[in-house]
Amino acid sequence: MKNIERFQALEKAVIRLKEALDVPNDNPIRTDALIQRFEFTIELFWKVFKDRLEPLGIDIRSPSAAFKEAFYQGWMGQNDENDNIWIKMLKDRNLTSHTYNEDLAQEIAERIEIYYPVLNETYNYLKSKVED
């Protein structure tokens, strides 16, 4: 996937994640949709970071390395709270992608509500840099 196509896919992923968040909590499909959309949103974020870091001569081989370097570059805001949230998001993404436990899925779905504003803010920041 080319860099611009991946960035466009990220935009769609962030929008789709918000759509899942807007589904009423009593809908049994909401948690599954949130988890799935969260997984592919995090996957796209790390790949977009990788795409943007490579031209800077920074070789990225893992999501955690991409997130750490993106934080260092100032793409995620410059406070430790954002850095910690991204670390938690990556851990949650890893938990959801390797096993399915209904109670854990519900806990992570609740945390996605906290994560979403950070994801959206970071996407908007990256988008503003593309448009500059």
N, C-alpha and C. Protein backbone atom coordinates (compact mmCIF):
# COMPACT_ATOMS: atom_id res chain seq x y z
N MET A 1 0.84 -1.17 0.00
CA MET A 1 0.00 0.00 0.00
C MET A 1 0.89 1.24 0.00
N LYS A 2 0.62 2.16 -0.88
CA LYS A 2 1.39 3.39 -0.95
C LYS A 2 1.07 4.28 0.24
N ASN A 3 2.01 5.17 0.57
CA ASN A 3 1.87 6.02 1.75
C ASN A 3 0.57 6.81 1.76
N ILE A 4 0.22 7.42 0.63
CA ILE A 4 -1.00 8.25 0.59
C ILE A 4 -2.24 7.37 0.76
N GLU A 5 -2.22 6.19 0.18
CA GLU A 5 -3.35 5.27 0.32
C GLU A 5 -3.49 4.81 1.77
N ARG A 6 -2.35 4.58 2.42
CA ARG A 6 -2.40 4.15 3.82
C ARG A 6 -2.95 5.28 4.69
N PHE A 7 -2.55 6.52 4.40
CA PHE A 7 -3.05 7.65 5.17
C PHE A 7 -4.56 7.82 4.96
N GLN A 8 -5.02 7.62 3.74
CA GLN A 8 -6.46 7.69 3.47
C GLN A 8 -7.20 6.57 4.20
N ALA A 9 -6.59 5.40 4.27
CA ALA A 9 -7.18 4.28 5.01
C ALA A 9 -7.26 4.62 6.50
N LEU A 10 -6.23 5.31 7.01
CA LEU A 10 -6.25 5.73 8.41
C LEU A 10 -7.41 6.68 8.66
N GLU A 11 -7.62 7.62 7.75
CA GLU A 11 -8.73 8.55 7.91
C GLU A 11 -10.05 7.79 8.02
N LYS A 12 -10.25 6.83 7.14
CA LYS A 12 -11.48 6.04 7.16
C LYS A 12 -11.58 5.23 8.45
N ALA A 13 -10.46 4.71 8.92
CA ALA A 13 -10.46 3.91 10.14
C ALA A 13 -10.88 4.75 11.35
N VAL A 14 -10.36 5.96 11.43
CA VAL A 14 -10.72 6.85 12.55
C VAL A 14 -12.21 7.19 12.49
N ILE A 15 -12.71 7.44 11.30
CA ILE A 15 -14.15 7.72 11.13
C ILE A 15 -14.97 6.51 11.53
N ARG A 16 -14.56 5.34 11.09
CA ARG A 16 -15.31 4.11 11.39
C ARG A 16 -15.28 3.79 12.89
N LEU A 17 -14.16 4.08 13.53
CA LEU A 17 -14.08 3.87 14.98
C LEU A 17 -15.09 4.78 15.69
N LYS A 18 -15.19 6.01 15.25
CA LYS A 18 -16.16 6.95 15.84
C LYS A 18 -17.58 6.44 15.62
N GLU A 19 -17.85 5.89 14.45
CA GLU A 19 -19.18 5.33 14.18
C GLU A 19 -19.53 4.23 15.19
N ALA A 20 -18.56 3.37 15.47
CA ALA A 20 -18.79 2.30 16.44
C ALA A 20 -19.01 2.86 17.84
N LEU A 21 -18.29 3.92 18.18
CA LEU A 21 -18.48 4.55 19.49
C LEU A 21 -19.87 5.15 19.62
N ASP A 22 -20.45 5.57 18.51
CA ASP A 22 -21.77 6.18 18.52
C ASP A 22 -22.92 5.18 18.62
N VAL A 23 -22.62 3.89 18.49
CA VAL A 23 -23.64 2.85 18.64
C VAL A 23 -24.02 2.78 20.13
N PRO A 24 -25.30 2.69 20.43
CA PRO A 24 -25.73 2.63 21.84
C PRO A 24 -25.06 1.47 22.58
N ASN A 25 -24.74 1.72 23.85
CA ASN A 25 -24.06 0.71 24.68
C ASN A 25 -24.84 -0.58 24.82
N ASP A 26 -26.15 -0.53 24.69
CA ASP A 26 -26.95 -1.74 24.87
C ASP A 26 -26.97 -2.64 23.63
N ASN A 27 -26.34 -2.20 22.56
CA ASN A 27 -26.28 -3.01 21.35
C ASN A 27 -25.15 -4.04 21.53
N PRO A 28 -25.45 -5.34 21.47
CA PRO A 28 -24.44 -6.36 21.72
C PRO A 28 -23.31 -6.39 20.69
N ILE A 29 -23.53 -5.83 19.54
CA ILE A 29 -22.50 -5.82 18.49
C ILE A 29 -21.48 -4.70 18.72
N ARG A 30 -21.82 -3.73 19.53
CA ARG A 30 -20.97 -2.55 19.74
C ARG A 30 -19.55 -2.93 20.18
N THR A 31 -19.44 -3.78 21.19
CA THR A 31 -18.11 -4.14 21.70
C THR A 31 -17.27 -4.80 20.62
N ASP A 32 -17.85 -5.74 19.89
CA ASP A 32 -17.10 -6.42 18.84
C ASP A 32 -16.66 -5.44 17.75
N ALA A 33 -17.56 -4.54 17.38
CA ALA A 33 -17.22 -3.55 16.36
C ALA A 33 -16.12 -2.61 16.85
N LEU A 34 -16.23 -2.18 18.10
CA LEU A 34 -15.19 -1.30 18.66
C LEU A 34 -13.83 -1.98 18.65
N ILE A 35 -13.80 -3.21 19.11
CA ILE A 35 -12.52 -3.95 19.18
C ILE A 35 -11.92 -4.10 17.79
N GLN A 36 -12.71 -4.55 16.84
CA GLN A 36 -12.19 -4.76 15.48
C GLN A 36 -11.71 -3.44 14.88
N ARG A 37 -12.47 -2.40 14.99
CA ARG A 37 -12.10 -1.11 14.40
C ARG A 37 -10.90 -0.50 15.13
N PHE A 38 -10.82 -0.70 16.42
CA PHE A 38 -9.66 -0.24 17.18
C PHE A 38 -8.40 -0.96 16.71
N GLU A 39 -8.49 -2.27 16.53
CA GLU A 39 -7.32 -3.04 16.07
C GLU A 39 -6.78 -2.50 14.75
N PHE A 40 -7.67 -2.31 13.76
CA PHE A 40 -7.12 -1.86 12.48
C PHE A 40 -6.74 -0.39 12.49
N THR A 41 -7.32 0.41 13.38
CA THR A 41 -6.89 1.80 13.50
C THR A 41 -5.47 1.88 14.07
N ILE A 42 -5.20 1.10 15.11
CA ILE A 42 -3.85 1.09 15.69
C ILE A 42 -2.85 0.55 14.67
N GLU A 43 -3.23 -0.48 13.96
CA GLU A 43 -2.34 -1.05 12.93
C GLU A 43 -1.99 -0.01 11.88
N LEU A 44 -2.97 0.75 11.44
CA LEU A 44 -2.71 1.79 10.44
C LEU A 44 -1.89 2.94 11.01
N PHE A 45 -2.13 3.31 12.24
CA PHE A 45 -1.34 4.39 12.84
C PHE A 45 0.14 4.04 12.84
N TRP A 46 0.48 2.83 13.28
CA TRP A 46 1.91 2.53 13.37
C TRP A 46 2.54 2.47 11.98
N LYS A 47 1.79 2.01 11.00
CA LYS A 47 2.32 1.95 9.64
C LYS A 47 2.45 3.34 9.02
N VAL A 48 1.50 4.24 9.33
CA VAL A 48 1.62 5.62 8.86
C VAL A 48 2.82 6.29 9.51
N PHE A 49 3.01 6.06 10.81
CA PHE A 49 4.20 6.61 11.47
C PHE A 49 5.46 6.09 10.79
N LYS A 50 5.50 4.80 10.52
CA LYS A 50 6.65 4.18 9.86
C LYS A 50 6.89 4.85 8.50
N ASP A 51 5.81 5.03 7.74
CA ASP A 51 5.93 5.68 6.42
C ASP A 51 6.54 7.07 6.54
N ARG A 52 6.17 7.79 7.57
CA ARG A 52 6.65 9.17 7.74
C ARG A 52 8.03 9.25 8.35
N LEU A 53 8.44 8.21 9.04
CA LEU A 53 9.76 8.21 9.67
C LEU A 53 10.86 7.74 8.71
N GLU A 54 10.53 6.86 7.80
CA GLU A 54 11.55 6.34 6.88
C GLU A 54 12.25 7.44 6.07
N PRO A 55 11.53 8.45 5.53
CA PRO A 55 12.22 9.51 4.80
C PRO A 55 13.17 10.34 5.69
N LEU A 56 12.96 10.24 7.02
CA LEU A 56 13.85 10.94 7.95
C LEU A 56 15.08 10.09 8.29
N GLY A 57 15.16 8.92 7.65
CA GLY A 57 16.29 8.02 7.89
C GLY A 57 16.13 7.17 9.14
N ILE A 58 14.91 7.05 9.63
CA ILE A 58 14.64 6.29 10.85
C ILE A 58 13.98 4.98 10.47
N ASP A 59 14.68 3.89 10.73
CA ASP A 59 14.20 2.56 10.40
C ASP A 59 13.33 2.03 11.53
N ILE A 60 12.08 1.75 11.23
CA ILE A 60 11.12 1.27 12.23
C ILE A 60 10.75 -0.16 11.91
N ARG A 61 10.81 -1.00 12.93
CA ARG A 61 10.52 -2.42 12.72
C ARG A 61 9.38 -2.96 13.58
N SER A 62 8.83 -2.11 14.44
CA SER A 62 7.74 -2.59 15.30
C SER A 62 6.80 -1.45 15.65
N PRO A 63 5.58 -1.79 16.04
CA PRO A 63 4.65 -0.75 16.47
C PRO A 63 5.17 0.07 17.65
N SER A 64 5.75 -0.59 18.64
CA SER A 64 6.21 0.16 19.80
C SER A 64 7.33 1.14 19.42
N ALA A 65 8.22 0.73 18.53
CA ALA A 65 9.27 1.64 18.08
C ALA A 65 8.67 2.81 17.30
N ALA A 66 7.65 2.54 16.50
CA ALA A 66 6.99 3.61 15.74
C ALA A 66 6.33 4.61 16.68
N PHE A 67 5.65 4.10 17.70
CA PHE A 67 4.96 4.99 18.63
C PHE A 67 5.96 5.82 19.43
N LYS A 68 7.04 5.20 19.88
CA LYS A 68 8.05 5.94 20.64
C LYS A 68 8.66 7.05 19.80
N GLU A 69 8.99 6.74 18.56
CA GLU A 69 9.62 7.75 17.70
C GLU A 69 8.62 8.84 17.30
N ALA A 70 7.38 8.46 17.06
CA ALA A 70 6.35 9.46 16.74
C ALA A 70 6.15 10.41 17.91
N PHE A 71 6.19 9.88 19.13
CA PHE A 71 6.09 10.73 20.31
C PHE A 71 7.29 11.68 20.36
N TYR A 72 8.47 11.13 20.14
CA TYR A 72 9.70 11.94 20.14
C TYR A 72 9.63 13.06 19.09
N GLN A 73 9.02 12.76 17.95
CA GLN A 73 8.90 13.74 16.87
C GLN A 73 7.84 14.81 17.18
N GLY A 74 7.06 14.59 18.22
CA GLY A 74 6.02 15.55 18.60
C GLY A 74 4.70 15.35 17.88
N TRP A 75 4.51 14.21 17.26
CA TRP A 75 3.30 13.94 16.50
C TRP A 75 2.13 13.55 17.39
N MET A 76 2.40 13.19 18.63
CA MET A 76 1.36 12.73 19.55
C MET A 76 1.15 13.71 20.69
N GLY A 77 1.64 14.89 20.55
CA GLY A 77 1.61 15.83 21.67
C GLY A 77 2.85 15.62 22.51
N GLN A 78 3.13 16.54 23.35
CA GLN A 78 4.37 16.45 24.12
C GLN A 78 4.12 16.37 25.62
N ASN A 79 3.25 15.48 26.02
CA ASN A 79 3.11 15.26 27.45
C ASN A 79 3.14 13.76 27.72
N ASP A 80 3.63 13.42 28.91
CA ASP A 80 3.79 12.01 29.26
C ASP A 80 2.46 11.27 29.29
N GLU A 81 1.38 11.98 29.54
CA GLU A 81 0.07 11.34 29.57
C GLU A 81 -0.26 10.75 28.20
N ASN A 82 0.00 11.50 27.12
CA ASN A 82 -0.26 10.96 25.78
C ASN A 82 0.63 9.77 25.49
N ASP A 83 1.89 9.85 25.87
CA ASP A 83 2.81 8.74 25.66
C ASP A 83 2.29 7.49 26.36
N ASN A 84 1.86 7.65 27.59
CA ASN A 84 1.33 6.51 28.35
C ASN A 84 0.06 5.96 27.74
N ILE A 85 -0.79 6.82 27.23
CA ILE A 85 -2.03 6.35 26.59
C ILE A 85 -1.71 5.51 25.36
N TRP A 86 -0.74 5.95 24.55
CA TRP A 86 -0.37 5.17 23.37
C TRP A 86 0.21 3.81 23.75
N ILE A 87 0.98 3.77 24.82
CA ILE A 87 1.52 2.49 25.29
C ILE A 87 0.37 1.57 25.71
N LYS A 88 -0.61 2.14 26.43
CA LYS A 88 -1.77 1.35 26.84
C LYS A 88 -2.57 0.88 25.63
N MET A 89 -2.72 1.76 24.64
CA MET A 89 -3.46 1.36 23.43
C MET A 89 -2.79 0.18 22.75
N LEU A 90 -1.47 0.25 22.63
CA LEU A 90 -0.75 -0.84 21.97
C LEU A 90 -0.91 -2.14 22.76
N LYS A 91 -0.81 -2.06 24.07
CA LYS A 91 -1.00 -3.26 24.90
C LYS A 91 -2.40 -3.82 24.72
N ASP A 92 -3.41 -2.94 24.73
CA ASP A 92 -4.78 -3.40 24.53
C ASP A 92 -4.98 -4.01 23.16
N ARG A 93 -4.39 -3.39 22.15
CA ARG A 93 -4.50 -3.95 20.79
C ARG A 93 -3.88 -5.34 20.74
N ASN A 94 -2.76 -5.51 21.40
CA ASN A 94 -2.12 -6.83 21.42
C ASN A 94 -2.98 -7.85 22.16
N LEU A 95 -3.61 -7.43 23.23
CA LEU A 95 -4.49 -8.35 23.97
C LEU A 95 -5.69 -8.78 23.13
N THR A 96 -6.28 -7.84 22.42
CA THR A 96 -7.49 -8.18 21.66
C THR A 96 -7.19 -8.99 20.42
N SER A 97 -6.01 -8.82 19.86
CA SER A 97 -5.73 -9.51 18.60
C SER A 97 -5.27 -10.95 18.79
N HIS A 98 -4.99 -11.35 20.04
CA HIS A 98 -4.48 -12.71 20.26
C HIS A 98 -5.44 -13.63 21.01
N THR A 99 -6.44 -13.06 21.60
CA THR A 99 -7.40 -13.88 22.33
C THR A 99 -8.72 -13.14 22.44
N TYR A 100 -9.78 -13.86 22.68
CA TYR A 100 -11.05 -13.18 22.90
C TYR A 100 -11.61 -13.63 24.24
N ASN A 101 -11.73 -12.69 25.12
CA ASN A 101 -12.32 -12.88 26.43
C ASN A 101 -13.37 -11.79 26.56
N GLU A 102 -14.61 -12.17 26.76
CA GLU A 102 -15.71 -11.21 26.73
C GLU A 102 -15.56 -10.11 27.78
N ASP A 103 -15.13 -10.47 28.99
CA ASP A 103 -14.95 -9.46 30.03
C ASP A 103 -13.83 -8.49 29.68
N LEU A 104 -12.72 -9.05 29.19
CA LEU A 104 -11.60 -8.20 28.78
C LEU A 104 -12.01 -7.31 27.61
N ALA A 105 -12.74 -7.85 26.67
CA ALA A 105 -13.20 -7.06 25.52
C ALA A 105 -14.05 -5.88 25.99
N GLN A 106 -14.91 -6.11 26.95
CA GLN A 106 -15.75 -5.04 27.47
C GLN A 106 -14.91 -3.96 28.15
N GLU A 107 -13.90 -4.39 28.92
CA GLU A 107 -13.01 -3.42 29.57
C GLU A 107 -12.27 -2.58 28.54
N ILE A 108 -11.77 -3.22 27.50
CA ILE A 108 -11.03 -2.51 26.47
C ILE A 108 -11.96 -1.59 25.69
N ALA A 109 -13.18 -2.05 25.43
CA ALA A 109 -14.16 -1.19 24.73
C ALA A 109 -14.40 0.09 25.52
N GLU A 110 -14.47 -0.03 26.83
CA GLU A 110 -14.64 1.16 27.67
C GLU A 110 -13.42 2.08 27.58
N ARG A 111 -12.23 1.50 27.51
CA ARG A 111 -11.02 2.32 27.39
C ARG A 111 -10.92 2.98 26.02
N ILE A 112 -11.48 2.35 25.00
CA ILE A 112 -11.45 2.93 23.66
C ILE A 112 -12.16 4.29 23.66
N GLU A 113 -13.17 4.42 24.50
CA GLU A 113 -13.85 5.71 24.62
C GLU A 113 -12.88 6.79 25.09
N ILE A 114 -11.92 6.43 25.92
CA ILE A 114 -10.89 7.36 26.39
C ILE A 114 -9.82 7.55 25.32
N TYR A 115 -9.50 6.49 24.61
CA TYR A 115 -8.46 6.54 23.59
C TYR A 115 -8.87 7.37 22.37
N TYR A 116 -10.14 7.30 22.01
CA TYR A 116 -10.55 7.92 20.76
C TYR A 116 -10.14 9.39 20.61
N PRO A 117 -10.34 10.24 21.60
CA PRO A 117 -9.93 11.64 21.40
C PRO A 117 -8.44 11.79 21.09
N VAL A 118 -7.61 10.95 21.68
CA VAL A 118 -6.17 11.00 21.41
C VAL A 118 -5.90 10.54 19.98
N LEU A 119 -6.56 9.49 19.56
CA LEU A 119 -6.40 9.01 18.18
C LEU A 119 -6.83 10.07 17.18
N ASN A 120 -7.98 10.67 17.44
CA ASN A 120 -8.50 11.68 16.53
C ASN A 120 -7.61 12.92 16.50
N GLU A 121 -7.14 13.35 17.66
CA GLU A 121 -6.25 14.51 17.73
C GLU A 121 -4.95 14.25 16.96
N THR A 122 -4.40 13.06 17.12
CA THR A 122 -3.16 12.71 16.43
C THR A 122 -3.39 12.64 14.93
N TYR A 123 -4.50 12.03 14.51
CA TYR A 123 -4.82 11.99 13.09
C TYR A 123 -4.93 13.41 12.53
N ASN A 124 -5.66 14.28 13.23
CA ASN A 124 -5.82 15.66 12.74
C ASN A 124 -4.50 16.40 12.67
N TYR A 125 -3.62 16.16 13.62
CA TYR A 125 -2.29 16.77 13.57
C TYR A 125 -1.53 16.30 12.33
N LEU A 126 -1.52 14.99 12.10
CA LEU A 126 -0.82 14.45 10.93
C LEU A 126 -1.43 14.98 9.63
N LYS A 127 -2.74 15.08 9.61
CA LYS A 127 -3.41 15.61 8.42
C LYS A 127 -3.02 17.06 8.16
N SER A 128 -2.90 17.84 9.21
CA SER A 128 -2.50 19.25 9.03
C SER A 128 -1.09 19.35 8.46
N LYS A 129 -0.25 18.39 8.78
CA LYS A 129 1.13 18.40 8.25
C LYS A 129 1.15 17.98 6.78
N VAL A 130 0.22 17.13 6.39
CA VAL A 130 0.12 16.71 4.99
C VAL A 130 -0.34 17.89 4.14
N GLU A 131 -1.27 18.67 4.70
CA GLU A 131 -1.85 19.77 3.95
C GLU A 131 -0.95 20.99 3.89
N ASP A 132 0.05 21.07 4.79
CA ASP A 132 0.99 22.22 4.78
C ASP A 132 1.87 22.22 3.55
